[in-house]
Amino acid sequence: MKLLQRAAAQKNAEAQYLLGRIYWEGRGVPRDRVQAHMWFNLAAAQGHAGAVSMRQVAATEMDQNQLMEAQRLAVQEVKSK
């Protein structure tokens, strides 16, 4: 998980996508739609096809407040680097 987080922070789209999957499925972490969408969004912005698809799936299961929070976190992640 730490290696994925480090790679994702360095804008590695595959690592971002995999973190999204981990949060989406709750593998070793609490299931978190907001975190999943945030990571899918960041990977999708780099053209990761799987992330584009999963971002759409995640959005269908989230309310407007969750989507806005995921977007806020994605912007914060980009600005912090």
PDB file of N, CA and C in Angstrom:
ATOM      1  N   MET A   1       0.827  -1.187   0.000  1.00  0.00           N
ATOM      2  CA  MET A   1       0.000   0.000   0.000  1.00  0.00           C
ATOM      3  C   MET A   1       0.873   1.254   0.000  1.00  0.00           C
ATOM      4  N   LYS A   2       1.947   1.246   0.788  1.00  0.00           N
ATOM      5  CA  LYS A   2       2.816   2.424   0.849  1.00  0.00           C
ATOM      6  C   LYS A   2       3.480   2.694  -0.495  1.00  0.00           C
ATOM      7  N   LEU A   3       3.887   1.632  -1.187  1.00  0.00           N
ATOM      8  CA  LEU A   3       4.502   1.818  -2.503  1.00  0.00           C
ATOM      9  C   LEU A   3       3.496   2.386  -3.499  1.00  0.00           C
ATOM     10  N   LEU A   4       2.273   1.897  -3.451  1.00  0.00           N
ATOM     11  CA  LEU A   4       1.231   2.432  -4.337  1.00  0.00           C
ATOM     12  C   LEU A   4       0.962   3.897  -4.025  1.00  0.00           C
ATOM     13  N   GLN A   5       0.880   4.231  -2.756  1.00  0.00           N
ATOM     14  CA  GLN A   5       0.627   5.620  -2.369  1.00  0.00           C
ATOM     15  C   GLN A   5       1.756   6.531  -2.838  1.00  0.00           C
ATOM     16  N   ARG A   6       2.966   6.061  -2.709  1.00  0.00           N
ATOM     17  CA  ARG A   6       4.113   6.858  -3.149  1.00  0.00           C
ATOM     18  C   ARG A   6       4.075   7.058  -4.659  1.00  0.00           C
ATOM     19  N   ALA A   7       3.819   5.974  -5.392  1.00  0.00           N
ATOM     20  CA  ALA A   7       3.743   6.071  -6.853  1.00  0.00           C
ATOM     21  C   ALA A   7       2.567   6.946  -7.290  1.00  0.00           C
ATOM     22  N   ALA A   8       1.430   6.810  -6.617  1.00  0.00           N
ATOM     23  CA  ALA A   8       0.252   7.621  -6.949  1.00  0.00           C
ATOM     24  C   ALA A   8       0.532   9.102  -6.710  1.00  0.00           C
ATOM     25  N   ALA A   9       1.243   9.403  -5.641  1.00  0.00           N
ATOM     26  CA  ALA A   9       1.588  10.792  -5.338  1.00  0.00           C
ATOM     27  C   ALA A   9       2.517  11.376  -6.403  1.00  0.00           C
ATOM     28  N   GLN A  10       3.239  10.498  -7.095  1.00  0.00           N
ATOM     29  CA  GLN A  10       4.138  10.929  -8.170  1.00  0.00           C
ATOM     30  C   GLN A  10       3.439  10.886  -9.529  1.00  0.00           C
ATOM     31  N   LYS A  11       2.108  10.868  -9.497  1.00  0.00           N
ATOM     32  CA  LYS A  11       1.254  10.930 -10.684  1.00  0.00           C
ATOM     33  C   LYS A  11       1.343   9.693 -11.572  1.00  0.00           C
ATOM     34  N   ASN A  12       1.573   8.548 -10.961  1.00  0.00           N
ATOM     35  CA  ASN A  12       1.558   7.290 -11.705  1.00  0.00           C
ATOM     36  C   ASN A  12       0.103   6.855 -11.852  1.00  0.00           C
ATOM     37  N   ALA A  13      -0.416   6.915 -13.070  1.00  0.00           N
ATOM     38  CA  ALA A  13      -1.835   6.651 -13.318  1.00  0.00           C
ATOM     39  C   ALA A  13      -2.235   5.228 -12.922  1.00  0.00           C
ATOM     40  N   GLU A  14      -1.386   4.255 -13.175  1.00  0.00           N
ATOM     41  CA  GLU A  14      -1.722   2.878 -12.811  1.00  0.00           C
ATOM     42  C   GLU A  14      -1.820   2.724 -11.292  1.00  0.00           C
ATOM     43  N   ALA A  15      -0.911   3.341 -10.565  1.00  0.00           N
ATOM     44  CA  ALA A  15      -0.959   3.298  -9.100  1.00  0.00           C
ATOM     45  C   ALA A  15      -2.216   4.003  -8.586  1.00  0.00           C
ATOM     46  N   GLN A  16      -2.564   5.124  -9.193  1.00  0.00           N
ATOM     47  CA  GLN A  16      -3.783   5.832  -8.797  1.00  0.00           C
ATOM     48  C   GLN A  16      -5.009   4.954  -9.041  1.00  0.00           C
ATOM     49  N   TYR A  17      -5.053   4.305 -10.189  1.00  0.00           N
ATOM     50  CA  TYR A  17      -6.162   3.408 -10.509  1.00  0.00           C
ATOM     51  C   TYR A  17      -6.239   2.265  -9.500  1.00  0.00           C
ATOM     52  N   LEU A  18      -5.098   1.664  -9.192  1.00  0.00           N
ATOM     53  CA  LEU A  18      -5.085   0.541  -8.248  1.00  0.00           C
ATOM     54  C   LEU A  18      -5.517   0.981  -6.848  1.00  0.00           C
ATOM     55  N   LEU A  19      -5.116   2.172  -6.433  1.00  0.00           N
ATOM     56  CA  LEU A  19      -5.593   2.684  -5.140  1.00  0.00           C
ATOM     57  C   LEU A  19      -7.110   2.867  -5.170  1.00  0.00           C
ATOM     58  N   GLY A  20      -7.608   3.362  -6.282  1.00  0.00           N
ATOM     59  CA  GLY A  20      -9.054   3.481  -6.431  1.00  0.00           C
ATOM     60  C   GLY A  20      -9.747   2.144  -6.275  1.00  0.00           C
ATOM     61  N   ARG A  21      -9.190   1.110  -6.901  1.00  0.00           N
ATOM     62  CA  ARG A  21      -9.775  -0.229  -6.788  1.00  0.00           C
ATOM     63  C   ARG A  21      -9.726  -0.736  -5.354  1.00  0.00           C
ATOM     64  N   ILE A  22      -8.630  -0.491  -4.671  1.00  0.00           N
ATOM     65  CA  ILE A  22      -8.484  -0.934  -3.280  1.00  0.00           C
ATOM     66  C   ILE A  22      -9.568  -0.295  -2.413  1.00  0.00           C
ATOM     67  N   TYR A  23      -9.755   1.014  -2.558  1.00  0.00           N
ATOM     68  CA  TYR A  23     -10.791   1.692  -1.776  1.00  0.00           C
ATOM     69  C   TYR A  23     -12.190   1.292  -2.230  1.00  0.00           C
ATOM     70  N   TRP A  24     -12.379   1.081  -3.520  1.00  0.00           N
ATOM     71  CA  TRP A  24     -13.684   0.676  -4.045  1.00  0.00           C
ATOM     72  C   TRP A  24     -14.101  -0.678  -3.476  1.00  0.00           C
ATOM     73  N   GLU A  25     -13.159  -1.607  -3.435  1.00  0.00           N
ATOM     74  CA  GLU A  25     -13.452  -2.972  -2.989  1.00  0.00           C
ATOM     75  C   GLU A  25     -13.243  -3.164  -1.494  1.00  0.00           C
ATOM     76  N   GLY A  26     -12.585  -2.212  -0.838  1.00  0.00           N
ATOM     77  CA  GLY A  26     -12.311  -2.354   0.589  1.00  0.00           C
ATOM     78  C   GLY A  26     -11.302  -3.449   0.879  1.00  0.00           C
ATOM     79  N   ARG A  27     -10.290  -3.556   0.030  1.00  0.00           N
ATOM     80  CA  ARG A  27      -9.251  -4.578   0.223  1.00  0.00           C
ATOM     81  C   ARG A  27      -8.182  -4.068   1.187  1.00  0.00           C
ATOM     82  N   GLY A  28      -8.292  -4.466   2.441  1.00  0.00           N
ATOM     83  CA  GLY A  28      -7.319  -4.075   3.454  1.00  0.00           C
ATOM     84  C   GLY A  28      -7.560  -2.703   4.046  1.00  0.00           C
ATOM     85  N   VAL A  29      -8.564  -2.017   3.541  1.00  0.00           N
ATOM     86  CA  VAL A  29      -8.953  -0.694   4.050  1.00  0.00           C
ATOM     87  C   VAL A  29     -10.474  -0.657   4.105  1.00  0.00           C
ATOM     88  N   PRO A  30     -11.032   0.242   4.895  1.00  0.00           N
ATOM     89  CA  PRO A  30     -12.497   0.382   4.853  1.00  0.00           C
ATOM     90  C   PRO A  30     -12.940   0.811   3.446  1.00  0.00           C
ATOM     91  N   ARG A  31     -14.036   0.255   2.995  1.00  0.00           N
ATOM     92  CA  ARG A  31     -14.573   0.627   1.681  1.00  0.00           C
ATOM     93  C   ARG A  31     -14.929   2.103   1.699  1.00  0.00           C
ATOM     94  N   ASP A  32     -14.424   2.859   0.727  1.00  0.00           N
ATOM     95  CA  ASP A  32     -14.588   4.312   0.738  1.00  0.00           C
ATOM     96  C   ASP A  32     -14.815   4.796  -0.684  1.00  0.00           C
ATOM     97  N   ARG A  33     -16.069   5.095  -1.018  1.00  0.00           N
ATOM     98  CA  ARG A  33     -16.436   5.542  -2.365  1.00  0.00           C
ATOM     99  C   ARG A  33     -15.779   6.875  -2.722  1.00  0.00           C
ATOM    100  N   VAL A  34     -15.678   7.776  -1.748  1.00  0.00           N
ATOM    101  CA  VAL A  34     -15.093   9.093  -2.010  1.00  0.00           C
ATOM    102  C   VAL A  34     -13.616   8.951  -2.377  1.00  0.00           C
ATOM    103  N   GLN A  35     -12.855   8.209  -1.581  1.00  0.00           N
ATOM    104  CA  GLN A  35     -11.440   7.998  -1.886  1.00  0.00           C
ATOM    105  C   GLN A  35     -11.276   7.273  -3.218  1.00  0.00           C
ATOM    106  N   ALA A  36     -12.100   6.276  -3.458  1.00  0.00           N
ATOM    107  CA  ALA A  36     -12.023   5.541  -4.727  1.00  0.00           C
ATOM    108  C   ALA A  36     -12.239   6.483  -5.900  1.00  0.00           C
ATOM    109  N   HIS A  37     -13.292   7.277  -5.843  1.00  0.00           N
ATOM    110  CA  HIS A  37     -13.590   8.196  -6.945  1.00  0.00           C
ATOM    111  C   HIS A  37     -12.460   9.194  -7.141  1.00  0.00           C
ATOM    112  N   MET A  38     -11.903   9.693  -6.044  1.00  0.00           N
ATOM    113  CA  MET A  38     -10.796  10.646  -6.146  1.00  0.00           C
ATOM    114  C   MET A  38      -9.634  10.044  -6.931  1.00  0.00           C
ATOM    115  N   TRP A  39      -9.241   8.809  -6.568  1.00  0.00           N
ATOM    116  CA  TRP A  39      -8.113   8.180  -7.254  1.00  0.00           C
ATOM    117  C   TRP A  39      -8.463   7.823  -8.693  1.00  0.00           C
ATOM    118  N   PHE A  40      -9.678   7.355  -8.931  1.00  0.00           N
ATOM    119  CA  PHE A  40     -10.102   7.091 -10.311  1.00  0.00           C
ATOM    120  C   PHE A  40     -10.065   8.384 -11.125  1.00  0.00           C
ATOM    121  N   ASN A  41     -10.516   9.475 -10.533  1.00  0.00           N
ATOM    122  CA  ASN A  41     -10.546  10.759 -11.221  1.00  0.00           C
ATOM    123  C   ASN A  41      -9.136  11.209 -11.614  1.00  0.00           C
ATOM    124  N   LEU A  42      -8.200  11.078 -10.694  1.00  0.00           N
ATOM    125  CA  LEU A  42      -6.821  11.481 -10.984  1.00  0.00           C
ATOM    126  C   LEU A  42      -6.212  10.627 -12.091  1.00  0.00           C
ATOM    127  N   ALA A  43      -6.456   9.328 -12.045  1.00  0.00           N
ATOM    128  CA  ALA A  43      -5.930   8.439 -13.091  1.00  0.00           C
ATOM    129  C   ALA A  43      -6.624   8.700 -14.421  1.00  0.00           C
ATOM    130  N   ALA A  44      -7.926   8.929 -14.377  1.00  0.00           N
ATOM    131  CA  ALA A  44      -8.689   9.201 -15.596  1.00  0.00           C
ATOM    132  C   ALA A  44      -8.203  10.482 -16.271  1.00  0.00           C
ATOM    133  N   ALA A  45      -7.833  11.460 -15.475  1.00  0.00           N
ATOM    134  CA  ALA A  45      -7.332  12.723 -16.027  1.00  0.00           C
ATOM    135  C   ALA A  45      -6.056  12.515 -16.831  1.00  0.00           C
ATOM    136  N   GLN A  46      -5.378  11.406 -16.588  1.00  0.00           N
ATOM    137  CA  GLN A  46      -4.163  11.071 -17.335  1.00  0.00           C
ATOM    138  C   GLN A  46      -4.442  10.081 -18.463  1.00  0.00           C
ATOM    139  N   GLY A  47      -5.713   9.789 -18.688  1.00  0.00           N
ATOM    140  CA  GLY A  47      -6.086   8.931 -19.799  1.00  0.00           C
ATOM    141  C   GLY A  47      -6.169   7.450 -19.489  1.00  0.00           C
ATOM    142  N   HIS A  48      -6.157   7.060 -18.232  1.00  0.00           N
ATOM    143  CA  HIS A  48      -6.260   5.639 -17.869  1.00  0.00           C
ATOM    144  C   HIS A  48      -7.686   5.159 -18.152  1.00  0.00           C
ATOM    145  N   ALA A  49      -7.844   4.292 -19.138  1.00  0.00           N
ATOM    146  CA  ALA A  49      -9.172   3.853 -19.588  1.00  0.00           C
ATOM    147  C   ALA A  49      -9.960   3.141 -18.494  1.00  0.00           C
ATOM    148  N   GLY A  50      -9.321   2.288 -17.730  1.00  0.00           N
ATOM    149  CA  GLY A  50     -10.003   1.587 -16.647  1.00  0.00           C
ATOM    150  C   GLY A  50     -10.513   2.548 -15.600  1.00  0.00           C
ATOM    151  N   ALA A  51      -9.742   3.588 -15.327  1.00  0.00           N
ATOM    152  CA  ALA A  51     -10.145   4.588 -14.340  1.00  0.00           C
ATOM    153  C   ALA A  51     -11.330   5.406 -14.840  1.00  0.00           C
ATOM    154  N   VAL A  52     -11.349   5.699 -16.130  1.00  0.00           N
ATOM    155  CA  VAL A  52     -12.487   6.429 -16.701  1.00  0.00           C
ATOM    156  C   VAL A  52     -13.760   5.633 -16.474  1.00  0.00           C
ATOM    157  N   SER A  53     -13.698   4.358 -16.760  1.00  0.00           N
ATOM    158  CA  SER A  53     -14.856   3.479 -16.597  1.00  0.00           C
ATOM    159  C   SER A  53     -15.277   3.365 -15.142  1.00  0.00           C
ATOM    160  N   MET A  54     -14.316   3.126 -14.255  1.00  0.00           N
ATOM    161  CA  MET A  54     -14.639   2.962 -12.839  1.00  0.00           C
ATOM    162  C   MET A  54     -15.118   4.263 -12.210  1.00  0.00           C
ATOM    163  N   ARG A  55     -14.614   5.382 -12.674  1.00  0.00           N
ATOM    164  CA  ARG A  55     -15.087   6.676 -12.166  1.00  0.00           C
ATOM    165  C   ARG A  55     -16.576   6.836 -12.468  1.00  0.00           C
ATOM    166  N   GLN A  56     -16.990   6.420 -13.659  1.00  0.00           N
ATOM    167  CA  GLN A  56     -18.403   6.496 -14.025  1.00  0.00           C
ATOM    168  C   GLN A  56     -19.250   5.564 -13.165  1.00  0.00           C
ATOM    169  N   VAL A  57     -18.760   4.357 -12.944  1.00  0.00           N
ATOM    170  CA  VAL A  57     -19.479   3.400 -12.101  1.00  0.00           C
ATOM    171  C   VAL A  57     -19.607   3.952 -10.683  1.00  0.00           C
ATOM    172  N   ALA A  58     -18.507   4.451 -10.151  1.00  0.00           N
ATOM    173  CA  ALA A  58     -18.521   4.990  -8.781  1.00  0.00           C
ATOM    174  C   ALA A  58     -19.511   6.138  -8.661  1.00  0.00           C
ATOM    175  N   ALA A  59     -19.536   7.005  -9.648  1.00  0.00           N
ATOM    176  CA  ALA A  59     -20.420   8.177  -9.592  1.00  0.00           C
ATOM    177  C   ALA A  59     -21.889   7.776  -9.515  1.00  0.00           C
ATOM    178  N   THR A  60     -22.244   6.648 -10.109  1.00  0.00           N
ATOM    179  CA  THR A  60     -23.648   6.219 -10.070  1.00  0.00           C
ATOM    180  C   THR A  60     -24.068   5.764  -8.680  1.00  0.00           C
ATOM    181  N   GLU A  61     -23.092   5.448  -7.822  1.00  0.00           N
ATOM    182  CA  GLU A  61     -23.399   4.968  -6.478  1.00  0.00           C
ATOM    183  C   GLU A  61     -23.126   6.007  -5.395  1.00  0.00           C
ATOM    184  N   MET A  62     -22.914   7.249  -5.818  1.00  0.00           N
ATOM    185  CA  MET A  62     -22.582   8.310  -4.871  1.00  0.00           C
ATOM    186  C   MET A  62     -23.620   9.420  -4.951  1.00  0.00           C
ATOM    187  N   ASP A  63     -23.816  10.116  -3.827  1.00  0.00           N
ATOM    188  CA  ASP A  63     -24.702  11.276  -3.863  1.00  0.00           C
ATOM    189  C   ASP A  63     -23.883  12.522  -4.223  1.00  0.00           C
ATOM    190  N   GLN A  64     -24.569  13.623  -4.406  1.00  0.00           N
ATOM    191  CA  GLN A  64     -23.915  14.859  -4.841  1.00  0.00           C
ATOM    192  C   GLN A  64     -22.855  15.331  -3.858  1.00  0.00           C
ATOM    193  N   ASN A  65     -23.111  15.210  -2.574  1.00  0.00           N
ATOM    194  CA  ASN A  65     -22.121  15.628  -1.563  1.00  0.00           C
ATOM    195  C   ASN A  65     -20.860  14.781  -1.642  1.00  0.00           C
ATOM    196  N   GLN A  66     -21.012  13.483  -1.839  1.00  0.00           N
ATOM    197  CA  GLN A  66     -19.851  12.606  -1.971  1.00  0.00           C
ATOM    198  C   GLN A  66     -19.046  12.955  -3.216  1.00  0.00           C
ATOM    199  N   LEU A  67     -19.732  13.217  -4.322  1.00  0.00           N
ATOM    200  CA  LEU A  67     -19.039  13.586  -5.558  1.00  0.00           C
ATOM    201  C   LEU A  67     -18.267  14.894  -5.396  1.00  0.00           C
ATOM    202  N   MET A  68     -18.892  15.863  -4.743  1.00  0.00           N
ATOM    203  CA  MET A  68     -18.207  17.141  -4.523  1.00  0.00           C
ATOM    204  C   MET A  68     -16.986  16.965  -3.619  1.00  0.00           C
ATOM    205  N   GLU A  69     -17.100  16.117  -2.605  1.00  0.00           N
ATOM    206  CA  GLU A  69     -15.961  15.859  -1.713  1.00  0.00           C
ATOM    207  C   GLU A  69     -14.839  15.150  -2.464  1.00  0.00           C
ATOM    208  N   ALA A  70     -15.179  14.191  -3.293  1.00  0.00           N
ATOM    209  CA  ALA A  70     -14.167  13.490  -4.086  1.00  0.00           C
ATOM    210  C   ALA A  70     -13.446  14.465  -5.014  1.00  0.00           C
ATOM    211  N   GLN A  71     -14.189  15.363  -5.627  1.00  0.00           N
ATOM    212  CA  GLN A  71     -13.584  16.363  -6.511  1.00  0.00           C
ATOM    213  C   GLN A  71     -12.685  17.308  -5.726  1.00  0.00           C
ATOM    214  N   ARG A  72     -13.138  17.731  -4.561  1.00  0.00           N
ATOM    215  CA  ARG A  72     -12.328  18.613  -3.720  1.00  0.00           C
ATOM    216  C   ARG A  72     -11.013  17.944  -3.337  1.00  0.00           C
ATOM    217  N   LEU A  73     -11.084  16.671  -2.964  1.00  0.00           N
ATOM    218  CA  LEU A  73      -9.880  15.931  -2.582  1.00  0.00           C
ATOM    219  C   LEU A  73      -8.926  15.764  -3.765  1.00  0.00           C
ATOM    220  N   ALA A  74      -9.485  15.537  -4.949  1.00  0.00           N
ATOM    221  CA  ALA A  74      -8.645  15.399  -6.145  1.00  0.00           C
ATOM    222  C   ALA A  74      -7.905  16.697  -6.430  1.00  0.00           C
ATOM    223  N   VAL A  75      -8.605  17.818  -6.333  1.00  0.00           N
ATOM    224  CA  VAL A  75      -7.965  19.123  -6.550  1.00  0.00           C
ATOM    225  C   VAL A  75      -6.891  19.362  -5.496  1.00  0.00           C
ATOM    226  N   GLN A  76      -7.198  19.024  -4.271  1.00  0.00           N
ATOM    227  CA  GLN A  76      -6.227  19.182  -3.175  1.00  0.00           C
ATOM    228  C   GLN A  76      -4.995  18.323  -3.436  1.00  0.00           C
ATOM    229  N   GLU A  77      -5.195  17.106  -3.892  1.00  0.00           N
ATOM    230  CA  GLU A  77      -4.068  16.199  -4.186  1.00  0.00           C
ATOM    231  C   GLU A  77      -3.175  16.783  -5.280  1.00  0.00           C
ATOM    232  N   VAL A  78      -3.791  17.326  -6.311  1.00  0.00           N
ATOM    233  CA  VAL A  78      -3.019  17.925  -7.403  1.00  0.00           C
ATOM    234  C   VAL A  78      -2.243  19.141  -6.917  1.00  0.00           C
ATOM    235  N   LYS A  79      -2.867  19.977  -6.133  1.00  0.00           N
ATOM    236  CA  LYS A  79      -2.220  21.193  -5.640  1.00  0.00           C
ATOM    237  C   LYS A  79      -1.098  20.905  -4.655  1.00  0.00           C
ATOM    238  N   SER A  80      -1.184  19.773  -3.973  1.00  0.00           N
ATOM    239  CA  SER A  80      -0.171  19.471  -2.948  1.00  0.00           C
ATOM    240  C   SER A  80       1.137  18.972  -3.555  1.00  0.00           C
ATOM    241  N   LYS A  81       1.123  18.708  -4.839  1.00  0.00           N
ATOM    242  CA  LYS A  81       2.335  18.167  -5.483  1.00  0.00           C
ATOM    243  C   LYS A  81       3.059  19.203  -6.292  1.00  0.00           C
TER     244      LYS A  81
END
